[in-house]
Amino acid sequence: MDFLYGLFIAPFADFAFMQRALFGSLMLSLGACPVGVFLMLRRMSLSGDAMAHAILPGAAAGFLLYGLEILPMTVGGLIAGIIVALGAGAVSRFTIQREDASMAAFYLISLAVGVLMVSIRGSSVDLMHVLFGTVLALNNEALILIGGIVVVTLACLAIFWRALVAECLDPLFLRSVSRMGSPVHFIFLGLVVLNLVGGFQALGTLLSVGLMMLPAAAARFWTARVEPMCVLAVLIGFGSCIAGLLLSYHASLPSGPAIILSSGVVYFCSILFGTRGVLRARIVHHRHRTA
C-alpha cells in the first residue's frame, strides 16, 4: 500500500504545484475535449491545429509588452486567433481558395511572425515556454482564467447543443430550417479559439491542440453517438492528464509532452481494441465469412 500511495497519491498530496497542475489540466480536459469531438465530426481537426498556431503572434505581442504575464498574453492570443479564423473564412468565402488552404497559409504566417516576435526580446527559454507551456507553473490567476473558459464553454455547449450536432451532421439542412447555421458556426469557432488560449497557458501553442483532439479521436473508436463520445473524450482526457503528470514526476520528463503522449497511447490502444477498432472489425469480418 505504501508503494501504491507513493506512486499515485503522494505527488499530488505532497506538492501544491502538482495539485494546481492536476486541477488546471482536468479543467482543460472538461472544456476542450467536447470541443475536439465537434471539430473531429466536422472534419476540421487540422483547422484546430492551425488555430493553435494562430494565437502565437498575439501571445508574443503580450509577451513583448508585459513579459510572461498571463492576462496580456491571453488577450493577445484570443484577438490573434479570432482575426486569423475570420480572415481565413473571409478568404475562402470571397475567393476561389478553400478554407483548409487559407487556414494553412494564415497559420504558417502566424507561426513565423510569433516566433520572430518572441525571439526579438526573449531567450530560448522564453520561446520554449510560449511554444510548449509550463503546466507545473500554473498559478491561481491561470486557474481562474481556465475555470472561466470552461464555464463559458460548457454553457455554450448546453445552450447550442442541438444546433451544433445538426450542423455537424447536415449543415445545409440546418441553414434551410433555421437562421442559427452561420451564428452557431462562428460561436463554435470562438469556443475553439477560447479553449486553445486556455490550453496555451498550460501546454503552449504547439501542444494545446493535442489535448483537444487526441481524446476525441480515441473516443471515436468506442462509440458512434455524440453524447457518449463527448463524455468518453473527457474521461480519456482526465486519465491522460493524471498519467502524464505522474510520468513527468517520477521520470523527470516535461509535463506537457508527457500528457500528450499519454493521450497518444490511449489513441493507439483504441485503434486496436476499441469496439469500432481494427481487431473488432477483423473479428466481425471473419465471423461473416465463416457464417
C-alpha atoms as a PDB file:
ATOM      1  CA  MET A   1       0.000   0.000   0.000  1.00  0.00           C
ATOM      2  CA  ASP A   2       2.843   2.389   0.774  1.00  0.00           C
ATOM      3  CA  PHE A   3       4.278   1.725  -2.673  1.00  0.00           C
ATOM      4  CA  LEU A   4       0.950   2.472  -4.378  1.00  0.00           C
ATOM      5  CA  TYR A   5       0.490   5.587  -2.254  1.00  0.00           C
ATOM      6  CA  GLY A   6       3.933   6.852  -3.163  1.00  0.00           C
ATOM      7  CA  LEU A   7       3.351   6.056  -6.828  1.00  0.00           C
ATOM      8  CA  PHE A   8      -0.121   7.519  -7.375  1.00  0.00           C
ATOM      9  CA  ILE A   9      -1.168   9.718  -4.424  1.00  0.00           C
ATOM     10  CA  ALA A  10       1.917  11.240  -2.822  1.00  0.00           C
ATOM     11  CA  PRO A  11       2.920  13.515  -5.744  1.00  0.00           C
ATOM     12  CA  PHE A  12      -0.470  15.239  -5.610  1.00  0.00           C
ATOM     13  CA  ALA A  13      -0.833  15.125  -1.835  1.00  0.00           C
ATOM     14  CA  ASP A  14       2.609  16.496  -1.005  1.00  0.00           C
ATOM     15  CA  PHE A  15       3.178  19.237  -3.577  1.00  0.00           C
ATOM     16  CA  ALA A  16       0.956  22.248  -4.219  1.00  0.00           C
ATOM     17  CA  PHE A  17       2.337  22.777  -7.736  1.00  0.00           C
ATOM     18  CA  MET A  18       1.252  19.228  -8.670  1.00  0.00           C
ATOM     19  CA  GLN A  19      -2.224  19.922  -7.277  1.00  0.00           C
ATOM     20  CA  ARG A  20      -2.550  23.091  -9.359  1.00  0.00           C
ATOM     21  CA  ALA A  21      -1.243  21.291 -12.441  1.00  0.00           C
ATOM     22  CA  LEU A  22      -3.753  18.484 -11.949  1.00  0.00           C
ATOM     23  CA  PHE A  23      -6.664  20.838 -11.328  1.00  0.00           C
ATOM     24  CA  GLY A  24      -5.787  23.012 -14.324  1.00  0.00           C
ATOM     25  CA  SER A  25      -5.286  20.114 -16.738  1.00  0.00           C
ATOM     26  CA  LEU A  26      -8.530  18.432 -15.626  1.00  0.00           C
ATOM     27  CA  MET A  27     -10.431  21.661 -16.215  1.00  0.00           C
ATOM     28  CA  LEU A  28      -8.838  21.970 -19.647  1.00  0.00           C
ATOM     29  CA  SER A  29      -9.989  18.446 -20.485  1.00  0.00           C
ATOM     30  CA  LEU A  30     -13.517  19.220 -19.347  1.00  0.00           C
ATOM     31  CA  GLY A  31     -13.825  22.113 -21.777  1.00  0.00           C
ATOM     32  CA  ALA A  32     -11.515  21.225 -24.660  1.00  0.00           C
ATOM     33  CA  CYS A  33     -12.320  17.533 -25.221  1.00  0.00           C
ATOM     34  CA  PRO A  34     -16.021  18.031 -26.156  1.00  0.00           C
ATOM     35  CA  VAL A  35     -14.984  20.853 -28.486  1.00  0.00           C
ATOM     36  CA  GLY A  36     -12.480  18.449 -30.020  1.00  0.00           C
ATOM     37  CA  VAL A  37     -15.267  15.949 -30.675  1.00  0.00           C
ATOM     38  CA  PHE A  38     -17.206  18.513 -32.693  1.00  0.00           C
ATOM     39  CA  LEU A  39     -14.033  19.556 -34.555  1.00  0.00           C
ATOM     40  CA  MET A  40     -13.435  15.929 -35.496  1.00  0.00           C
ATOM     41  CA  LEU A  41     -17.039  15.332 -36.567  1.00  0.00           C
ATOM     42  CA  ARG A  42     -16.853  18.455 -38.745  1.00  0.00           C
ATOM     43  CA  ARG A  43     -13.634  17.106 -40.319  1.00  0.00           C
ATOM     44  CA  MET A  44     -11.847  20.215 -39.081  1.00  0.00           C
ATOM     45  CA  SER A  45      -9.191  18.530 -36.940  1.00  0.00           C
ATOM     46  CA  LEU A  46      -6.302  20.192 -38.784  1.00  0.00           C
ATOM     47  CA  SER A  47      -8.102  23.526 -38.541  1.00  0.00           C
ATOM     48  CA  GLY A  48      -7.783  23.223 -34.770  1.00  0.00           C
ATOM     49  CA  ASP A  49      -4.039  22.751 -35.173  1.00  0.00           C
ATOM     50  CA  ALA A  50      -3.906  25.773 -37.459  1.00  0.00           C
ATOM     51  CA  MET A  51      -5.775  27.958 -34.969  1.00  0.00           C
ATOM     52  CA  ALA A  52      -3.497  26.766 -32.168  1.00  0.00           C
ATOM     53  CA  HIS A  53      -0.561  28.208 -34.098  1.00  0.00           C
ATOM     54  CA  ALA A  54      -2.566  31.305 -34.989  1.00  0.00           C
ATOM     55  CA  ILE A  55      -2.711  32.528 -31.388  1.00  0.00           C
ATOM     56  CA  LEU A  56       1.084  32.762 -31.199  1.00  0.00           C
ATOM     57  CA  PRO A  57       1.537  36.324 -32.589  1.00  0.00           C
ATOM     58  CA  GLY A  58      -0.993  37.746 -30.134  1.00  0.00           C
ATOM     59  CA  ALA A  59       0.592  35.922 -27.217  1.00  0.00           C
ATOM     60  CA  ALA A  60       4.006  37.086 -28.404  1.00  0.00           C
ATOM     61  CA  ALA A  61       2.769  40.691 -28.561  1.00  0.00           C
ATOM     62  CA  GLY A  62       1.574  40.409 -24.957  1.00  0.00           C
ATOM     63  CA  PHE A  63       4.960  38.956 -24.019  1.00  0.00           C
ATOM     64  CA  LEU A  64       6.855  41.810 -25.711  1.00  0.00           C
ATOM     65  CA  LEU A  65       4.804  44.433 -23.901  1.00  0.00           C
ATOM     66  CA  TYR A  66       4.338  42.872 -20.450  1.00  0.00           C
ATOM     67  CA  GLY A  67       6.638  39.850 -20.205  1.00  0.00           C
ATOM     68  CA  LEU A  68       5.346  36.449 -19.126  1.00  0.00           C
ATOM     69  CA  GLU A  69       2.107  37.852 -17.714  1.00  0.00           C
ATOM     70  CA  ILE A  70      -0.956  35.659 -18.146  1.00  0.00           C
ATOM     71  CA  LEU A  71      -3.678  38.198 -18.871  1.00  0.00           C
ATOM     72  CA  PRO A  72      -1.926  40.235 -21.639  1.00  0.00           C
ATOM     73  CA  MET A  73      -0.709  37.073 -23.380  1.00  0.00           C
ATOM     74  CA  THR A  74      -4.179  35.535 -23.152  1.00  0.00           C
ATOM     75  CA  VAL A  75      -5.978  38.593 -24.508  1.00  0.00           C
ATOM     76  CA  GLY A  76      -3.412  38.916 -27.290  1.00  0.00           C
ATOM     77  CA  GLY A  77      -3.747  35.238 -28.209  1.00  0.00           C
ATOM     78  CA  LEU A  78      -7.535  35.465 -28.230  1.00  0.00           C
ATOM     79  CA  ILE A  79      -7.522  38.513 -30.518  1.00  0.00           C
ATOM     80  CA  ALA A  80      -4.992  36.932 -32.889  1.00  0.00           C
ATOM     81  CA  GLY A  81      -6.918  33.655 -33.039  1.00  0.00           C
ATOM     82  CA  ILE A  82     -10.188  35.397 -33.852  1.00  0.00           C
ATOM     83  CA  ILE A  83      -8.526  37.548 -36.538  1.00  0.00           C
ATOM     84  CA  VAL A  84      -6.960  34.509 -38.208  1.00  0.00           C
ATOM     85  CA  ALA A  85     -10.181  32.468 -38.048  1.00  0.00           C
ATOM     86  CA  LEU A  86     -12.245  35.303 -39.532  1.00  0.00           C
ATOM     87  CA  GLY A  87      -9.553  36.141 -42.095  1.00  0.00           C
ATOM     88  CA  ALA A  88      -9.258  32.557 -43.320  1.00  0.00           C
ATOM     89  CA  GLY A  89     -13.038  32.286 -43.502  1.00  0.00           C
ATOM     90  CA  ALA A  90     -13.294  35.517 -45.488  1.00  0.00           C
ATOM     91  CA  VAL A  91     -10.618  34.401 -47.967  1.00  0.00           C
ATOM     92  CA  SER A  92     -12.395  31.086 -48.553  1.00  0.00           C
ATOM     93  CA  ARG A  93     -15.754  32.829 -48.878  1.00  0.00           C
ATOM     94  CA  PHE A  94     -14.773  35.572 -51.341  1.00  0.00           C
ATOM     95  CA  THR A  95     -12.014  33.873 -53.357  1.00  0.00           C
ATOM     96  CA  ILE A  96     -11.510  30.558 -55.133  1.00  0.00           C
ATOM     97  CA  GLN A  97      -9.330  29.199 -52.317  1.00  0.00           C
ATOM     98  CA  ARG A  98     -10.798  26.571 -49.988  1.00  0.00           C
ATOM     99  CA  GLU A  99     -10.896  27.122 -46.228  1.00  0.00           C
ATOM    100  CA  ASP A 100      -8.278  24.465 -45.415  1.00  0.00           C
ATOM    101  CA  ALA A 101      -5.730  26.060 -47.752  1.00  0.00           C
ATOM    102  CA  SER A 102      -6.376  29.594 -46.499  1.00  0.00           C
ATOM    103  CA  MET A 103      -6.209  28.399 -42.874  1.00  0.00           C
ATOM    104  CA  ALA A 104      -2.875  26.685 -43.555  1.00  0.00           C
ATOM    105  CA  ALA A 105      -1.472  29.860 -45.119  1.00  0.00           C
ATOM    106  CA  PHE A 106      -2.624  32.021 -42.220  1.00  0.00           C
ATOM    107  CA  TYR A 107      -1.297  29.691 -39.539  1.00  0.00           C
ATOM    108  CA  LEU A 108       2.136  29.302 -41.172  1.00  0.00           C
ATOM    109  CA  ILE A 109       2.492  33.070 -41.396  1.00  0.00           C
ATOM    110  CA  SER A 110       1.266  33.458 -37.802  1.00  0.00           C
ATOM    111  CA  LEU A 111       3.690  30.856 -36.503  1.00  0.00           C
ATOM    112  CA  ALA A 112       6.656  32.532 -38.200  1.00  0.00           C
ATOM    113  CA  VAL A 113       5.639  36.005 -37.013  1.00  0.00           C
ATOM    114  CA  GLY A 114       5.094  34.793 -33.446  1.00  0.00           C
ATOM    115  CA  VAL A 115       8.466  33.024 -33.211  1.00  0.00           C
ATOM    116  CA  LEU A 116      10.232  36.105 -34.564  1.00  0.00           C
ATOM    117  CA  MET A 117       8.444  38.372 -32.080  1.00  0.00           C
ATOM    118  CA  VAL A 118       9.408  36.225 -29.103  1.00  0.00           C
ATOM    119  CA  SER A 119      12.993  35.906 -30.364  1.00  0.00           C
ATOM    120  CA  ILE A 120      13.374  39.699 -30.613  1.00  0.00           C
ATOM    121  CA  ARG A 121      13.184  40.181 -26.871  1.00  0.00           C
ATOM    122  CA  GLY A 122      13.216  36.820 -25.165  1.00  0.00           C
ATOM    123  CA  SER A 123      15.636  33.969 -24.770  1.00  0.00           C
ATOM    124  CA  SER A 124      15.326  30.386 -25.970  1.00  0.00           C
ATOM    125  CA  VAL A 125      13.799  29.577 -22.569  1.00  0.00           C
ATOM    126  CA  ASP A 126      11.032  32.131 -23.130  1.00  0.00           C
ATOM    127  CA  LEU A 127      10.396  30.717 -26.603  1.00  0.00           C
ATOM    128  CA  MET A 128      10.121  27.182 -25.194  1.00  0.00           C
ATOM    129  CA  HIS A 129       7.690  28.460 -22.558  1.00  0.00           C
ATOM    130  CA  VAL A 130       5.451  30.056 -25.184  1.00  0.00           C
ATOM    131  CA  LEU A 131       5.590  27.087 -27.569  1.00  0.00           C
ATOM    132  CA  PHE A 132       5.291  24.228 -25.080  1.00  0.00           C
ATOM    133  CA  GLY A 133       3.819  25.748 -21.911  1.00  0.00           C
ATOM    134  CA  THR A 134       4.563  25.040 -18.265  1.00  0.00           C
ATOM    135  CA  VAL A 135       1.682  23.161 -16.692  1.00  0.00           C
ATOM    136  CA  LEU A 136       3.668  22.713 -13.459  1.00  0.00           C
ATOM    137  CA  ALA A 137       3.936  26.500 -13.114  1.00  0.00           C
ATOM    138  CA  LEU A 138       0.208  27.268 -13.208  1.00  0.00           C
ATOM    139  CA  ASN A 139      -0.737  29.866 -10.598  1.00  0.00           C
ATOM    140  CA  ASN A 140      -4.091  30.878  -9.147  1.00  0.00           C
ATOM    141  CA  GLU A 141      -4.603  33.553 -11.809  1.00  0.00           C
ATOM    142  CA  ALA A 142      -4.167  30.969 -14.575  1.00  0.00           C
ATOM    143  CA  LEU A 143      -6.538  28.542 -12.849  1.00  0.00           C
ATOM    144  CA  ILE A 144      -9.221  31.238 -12.575  1.00  0.00           C
ATOM    145  CA  LEU A 145      -8.811  32.041 -16.264  1.00  0.00           C
ATOM    146  CA  ILE A 146      -9.049  28.366 -17.291  1.00  0.00           C
ATOM    147  CA  GLY A 147     -12.061  27.893 -14.999  1.00  0.00           C
ATOM    148  CA  GLY A 148     -13.851  30.829 -16.629  1.00  0.00           C
ATOM    149  CA  ILE A 149     -13.167  29.406 -20.091  1.00  0.00           C
ATOM    150  CA  VAL A 150     -14.566  26.026 -19.026  1.00  0.00           C
ATOM    151  CA  VAL A 151     -17.741  27.609 -17.641  1.00  0.00           C
ATOM    152  CA  VAL A 152     -18.315  29.596 -20.849  1.00  0.00           C
ATOM    153  CA  THR A 153     -17.637  26.511 -22.984  1.00  0.00           C
ATOM    154  CA  LEU A 154     -19.981  24.215 -21.097  1.00  0.00           C
ATOM    155  CA  ALA A 155     -22.720  26.869 -21.027  1.00  0.00           C
ATOM    156  CA  CYS A 156     -22.483  27.413 -24.802  1.00  0.00           C
ATOM    157  CA  LEU A 157     -22.467  23.670 -25.474  1.00  0.00           C
ATOM    158  CA  ALA A 158     -25.562  23.223 -23.324  1.00  0.00           C
ATOM    159  CA  ILE A 159     -27.427  26.101 -24.991  1.00  0.00           C
ATOM    160  CA  PHE A 160     -26.464  25.325 -28.607  1.00  0.00           C
ATOM    161  CA  TRP A 161     -26.090  21.536 -28.340  1.00  0.00           C
ATOM    162  CA  ARG A 162     -28.796  20.572 -30.830  1.00  0.00           C
ATOM    163  CA  ALA A 163     -27.707  23.191 -33.350  1.00  0.00           C
ATOM    164  CA  LEU A 164     -24.061  22.089 -33.073  1.00  0.00           C
ATOM    165  CA  VAL A 165     -24.984  18.439 -33.608  1.00  0.00           C
ATOM    166  CA  ALA A 166     -27.249  19.341 -36.530  1.00  0.00           C
ATOM    167  CA  GLU A 167     -24.523  21.381 -38.197  1.00  0.00           C
ATOM    168  CA  CYS A 168     -22.061  18.510 -37.832  1.00  0.00           C
ATOM    169  CA  LEU A 169     -24.458  16.060 -39.477  1.00  0.00           C
ATOM    170  CA  ASP A 170     -26.079  18.267 -42.124  1.00  0.00           C
ATOM    171  CA  PRO A 171     -25.155  21.984 -42.160  1.00  0.00           C
ATOM    172  CA  LEU A 172     -27.217  22.680 -45.280  1.00  0.00           C
ATOM    173  CA  PHE A 173     -30.340  21.298 -43.603  1.00  0.00           C
ATOM    174  CA  LEU A 174     -29.744  23.458 -40.530  1.00  0.00           C
ATOM    175  CA  ARG A 175     -29.393  26.586 -42.675  1.00  0.00           C
ATOM    176  CA  SER A 176     -32.585  25.702 -44.568  1.00  0.00           C
ATOM    177  CA  VAL A 177     -34.748  25.299 -41.444  1.00  0.00           C
ATOM    178  CA  SER A 178     -33.116  27.793 -39.079  1.00  0.00           C
ATOM    179  CA  ARG A 179     -31.206  31.055 -39.041  1.00  0.00           C
ATOM    180  CA  MET A 180     -28.818  29.596 -36.471  1.00  0.00           C
ATOM    181  CA  GLY A 181     -26.494  27.993 -39.036  1.00  0.00           C
ATOM    182  CA  SER A 182     -23.969  30.798 -39.524  1.00  0.00           C
ATOM    183  CA  PRO A 183     -24.114  32.169 -35.930  1.00  0.00           C
ATOM    184  CA  VAL A 184     -23.566  28.684 -34.490  1.00  0.00           C
ATOM    185  CA  HIS A 185     -20.566  28.170 -36.768  1.00  0.00           C
ATOM    186  CA  PHE A 186     -18.894  31.360 -35.544  1.00  0.00           C
ATOM    187  CA  ILE A 187     -19.816  30.616 -31.925  1.00  0.00           C
ATOM    188  CA  PHE A 188     -18.163  27.231 -32.317  1.00  0.00           C
ATOM    189  CA  LEU A 189     -15.011  28.768 -33.820  1.00  0.00           C
ATOM    190  CA  GLY A 190     -14.963  31.148 -30.861  1.00  0.00           C
ATOM    191  CA  LEU A 191     -15.094  28.188 -28.464  1.00  0.00           C
ATOM    192  CA  VAL A 192     -12.215  26.546 -30.307  1.00  0.00           C
ATOM    193  CA  VAL A 193     -10.057  29.663 -30.030  1.00  0.00           C
ATOM    194  CA  LEU A 194     -11.065  30.193 -26.400  1.00  0.00           C
ATOM    195  CA  ASN A 195     -10.085  26.668 -25.365  1.00  0.00           C
ATOM    196  CA  LEU A 196      -6.837  26.816 -27.312  1.00  0.00           C
ATOM    197  CA  VAL A 197      -5.987  30.032 -25.482  1.00  0.00           C
ATOM    198  CA  GLY A 198      -6.764  28.294 -22.188  1.00  0.00           C
ATOM    199  CA  GLY A 199      -4.631  25.328 -23.180  1.00  0.00           C
ATOM    200  CA  PHE A 200      -1.859  27.693 -24.185  1.00  0.00           C
ATOM    201  CA  GLN A 201      -1.371  28.605 -20.514  1.00  0.00           C
ATOM    202  CA  ALA A 202      -0.539  25.013 -19.606  1.00  0.00           C
ATOM    203  CA  LEU A 203       0.638  23.267 -22.767  1.00  0.00           C
ATOM    204  CA  GLY A 204       1.792  26.052 -25.071  1.00  0.00           C
ATOM    205  CA  THR A 205       0.701  26.736 -28.617  1.00  0.00           C
ATOM    206  CA  LEU A 206       2.172  23.553 -30.102  1.00  0.00           C
ATOM    207  CA  LEU A 207       0.621  21.062 -27.663  1.00  0.00           C
ATOM    208  CA  SER A 208      -2.692  22.635 -26.612  1.00  0.00           C
ATOM    209  CA  VAL A 209      -4.491  21.191 -29.631  1.00  0.00           C
ATOM    210  CA  GLY A 210      -3.253  17.711 -28.645  1.00  0.00           C
ATOM    211  CA  LEU A 211      -5.397  17.633 -25.513  1.00  0.00           C
ATOM    212  CA  MET A 212      -8.330  18.825 -27.602  1.00  0.00           C
ATOM    213  CA  MET A 213      -8.041  16.296 -30.441  1.00  0.00           C
ATOM    214  CA  LEU A 214      -6.386  13.067 -29.233  1.00  0.00           C
ATOM    215  CA  PRO A 215      -9.031  12.109 -26.620  1.00  0.00           C
ATOM    216  CA  ALA A 216     -11.761  12.943 -29.135  1.00  0.00           C
ATOM    217  CA  ALA A 217     -10.106  10.826 -31.821  1.00  0.00           C
ATOM    218  CA  ALA A 218      -9.697   7.936 -29.368  1.00  0.00           C
ATOM    219  CA  ALA A 219     -13.338   8.138 -28.267  1.00  0.00           C
ATOM    220  CA  ARG A 220     -14.462   7.798 -31.885  1.00  0.00           C
ATOM    221  CA  PHE A 221     -13.260   4.172 -31.869  1.00  0.00           C
ATOM    222  CA  TRP A 222     -15.584   3.280 -28.972  1.00  0.00           C
ATOM    223  CA  THR A 223     -18.933   4.852 -29.851  1.00  0.00           C
ATOM    224  CA  ALA A 224     -20.787   6.470 -32.747  1.00  0.00           C
ATOM    225  CA  ARG A 225     -23.127   8.640 -30.663  1.00  0.00           C
ATOM    226  CA  VAL A 226     -22.157  12.227 -29.952  1.00  0.00           C
ATOM    227  CA  GLU A 227     -23.129  12.429 -26.260  1.00  0.00           C
ATOM    228  CA  PRO A 228     -21.229   9.293 -25.129  1.00  0.00           C
ATOM    229  CA  MET A 229     -18.334  10.326 -27.366  1.00  0.00           C
ATOM    230  CA  CYS A 230     -18.018  13.668 -25.562  1.00  0.00           C
ATOM    231  CA  VAL A 231     -18.208  12.033 -22.125  1.00  0.00           C
ATOM    232  CA  LEU A 232     -15.662   9.382 -23.073  1.00  0.00           C
ATOM    233  CA  ALA A 233     -13.335  12.006 -24.565  1.00  0.00           C
ATOM    234  CA  VAL A 234     -13.422  13.934 -21.283  1.00  0.00           C
ATOM    235  CA  LEU A 235     -12.675  10.764 -19.291  1.00  0.00           C
ATOM    236  CA  ILE A 236      -9.773   9.916 -21.599  1.00  0.00           C
ATOM    237  CA  GLY A 237      -8.520  13.477 -21.165  1.00  0.00           C
ATOM    238  CA  PHE A 238      -8.731  13.116 -17.374  1.00  0.00           C
ATOM    239  CA  GLY A 239      -6.820   9.840 -17.437  1.00  0.00           C
ATOM    240  CA  SER A 240      -4.187  11.227 -19.793  1.00  0.00           C
ATOM    241  CA  CYS A 241      -3.590  14.266 -17.597  1.00  0.00           C
ATOM    242  CA  ILE A 242      -3.211  12.167 -14.454  1.00  0.00           C
ATOM    243  CA  ALA A 243      -0.945   9.627 -16.174  1.00  0.00           C
ATOM    244  CA  GLY A 244       1.114  12.333 -17.851  1.00  0.00           C
ATOM    245  CA  LEU A 245       1.690  14.281 -14.657  1.00  0.00           C
ATOM    246  CA  LEU A 246       2.674  11.120 -12.765  1.00  0.00           C
ATOM    247  CA  LEU A 247       5.029  10.107 -15.578  1.00  0.00           C
ATOM    248  CA  SER A 248       6.504  13.590 -15.591  1.00  0.00           C
ATOM    249  CA  TYR A 249       7.034  13.500 -11.823  1.00  0.00           C
ATOM    250  CA  HIS A 250       8.548  10.036 -11.500  1.00  0.00           C
ATOM    251  CA  ALA A 251      10.613  10.011 -14.717  1.00  0.00           C
ATOM    252  CA  SER A 252      11.624  13.714 -14.654  1.00  0.00           C
ATOM    253  CA  LEU A 253      10.076  14.349 -18.075  1.00  0.00           C
ATOM    254  CA  PRO A 254       8.489  17.549 -19.456  1.00  0.00           C
ATOM    255  CA  SER A 255       4.903  17.553 -18.223  1.00  0.00           C
ATOM    256  CA  GLY A 256       3.153  18.856 -21.355  1.00  0.00           C
ATOM    257  CA  PRO A 257       4.603  16.291 -23.774  1.00  0.00           C
ATOM    258  CA  ALA A 258       4.033  13.551 -21.183  1.00  0.00           C
ATOM    259  CA  ILE A 259       0.310  14.397 -21.074  1.00  0.00           C
ATOM    260  CA  ILE A 260       0.009  14.421 -24.859  1.00  0.00           C
ATOM    261  CA  LEU A 261       1.958  11.159 -25.203  1.00  0.00           C
ATOM    262  CA  SER A 262      -0.355   9.553 -22.646  1.00  0.00           C
ATOM    263  CA  SER A 263      -3.280  10.594 -24.830  1.00  0.00           C
ATOM    264  CA  GLY A 264      -1.431   9.142 -27.802  1.00  0.00           C
ATOM    265  CA  VAL A 265      -1.070   5.773 -26.064  1.00  0.00           C
ATOM    266  CA  VAL A 266      -4.822   5.686 -25.410  1.00  0.00           C
ATOM    267  CA  TYR A 267      -5.433   6.635 -29.056  1.00  0.00           C
ATOM    268  CA  PHE A 268      -3.348   3.757 -30.417  1.00  0.00           C
ATOM    269  CA  CYS A 269      -4.915   1.312 -27.958  1.00  0.00           C
ATOM    270  CA  SER A 270      -8.347   2.494 -29.109  1.00  0.00           C
ATOM    271  CA  ILE A 271      -7.382   1.902 -32.736  1.00  0.00           C
ATOM    272  CA  LEU A 272      -6.600  -1.711 -31.888  1.00  0.00           C
ATOM    273  CA  PHE A 273      -9.042  -2.657 -29.150  1.00  0.00           C
ATOM    274  CA  GLY A 274     -11.968  -0.231 -29.470  1.00  0.00           C
ATOM    275  CA  THR A 275     -15.438  -1.527 -30.240  1.00  0.00           C
ATOM    276  CA  ARG A 276     -15.040   0.145 -33.642  1.00  0.00           C
ATOM    277  CA  GLY A 277     -11.324  -0.585 -33.871  1.00  0.00           C
ATOM    278  CA  VAL A 278      -9.196  -2.767 -36.125  1.00  0.00           C
ATOM    279  CA  LEU A 279      -9.340  -6.035 -34.163  1.00  0.00           C
ATOM    280  CA  ARG A 280     -13.104  -5.852 -33.618  1.00  0.00           C
ATOM    281  CA  ALA A 281     -13.649  -5.157 -37.322  1.00  0.00           C
ATOM    282  CA  ARG A 282     -11.478  -8.150 -38.284  1.00  0.00           C
ATOM    283  CA  ILE A 283     -13.336 -10.430 -35.866  1.00  0.00           C
ATOM    284  CA  VAL A 284     -16.721  -9.352 -37.230  1.00  0.00           C
ATOM    285  CA  HIS A 285     -15.466  -9.775 -40.799  1.00  0.00           C
ATOM    286  CA  HIS A 286     -14.145 -13.263 -40.000  1.00  0.00           C
ATOM    287  CA  ARG A 287     -17.469 -14.291 -38.451  1.00  0.00           C
ATOM    288  CA  HIS A 288     -19.339 -13.118 -41.544  1.00  0.00           C
ATOM    289  CA  ARG A 289     -17.019 -15.127 -43.790  1.00  0.00           C
ATOM    290  CA  THR A 290     -17.370 -18.320 -41.744  1.00  0.00           C
ATOM    291  CA  ALA A 291     -21.137 -17.972 -41.238  1.00  0.00           C
END
